[in-house]
């Protein structure tokens, strides 16, 4: 039987990031911030039908994996079928965040990053302290 490491500074492989509490919380946060509207097509969807879509591809770009400048809620069609609808996504990001955002994301995405368990725990914990998260949690507990 393989022993699990309890080293908080242990690096988390890129392919395992999507299974972390940090990603689950980030995905929920992105969808909460969307008011249940797909960023790229503008249609309204139930919370659980939206994805947290990355503008700058996450493959190999772990540095932007949790960066909220690079994440918006998208419906399945825009995120998966249209591969992020990048043309619309780019225009909306520029309109929202200014002309520099695309260059900043592409530059930042060139950097390498390996996340540690402690960094991921910090991301998850910080999200859970946000007022929008606390409101969502209260709503969730009332529905159960």
Foldseek 3Di string as FASTA:
>chain_A
DDDDDPPQQDWDDLVCPCVALLNVLLFLVQLLVQCQAAQQPRDHDPSVQKTFAFLPDCVQQVQCSSPPLGTHIHGCCCVPVVVNVNVSVVVSSCVVPNDCSVVVVVVSSVDGDTDGNNNSVVSSVVSCPDPSNVVVVVVVVVVD
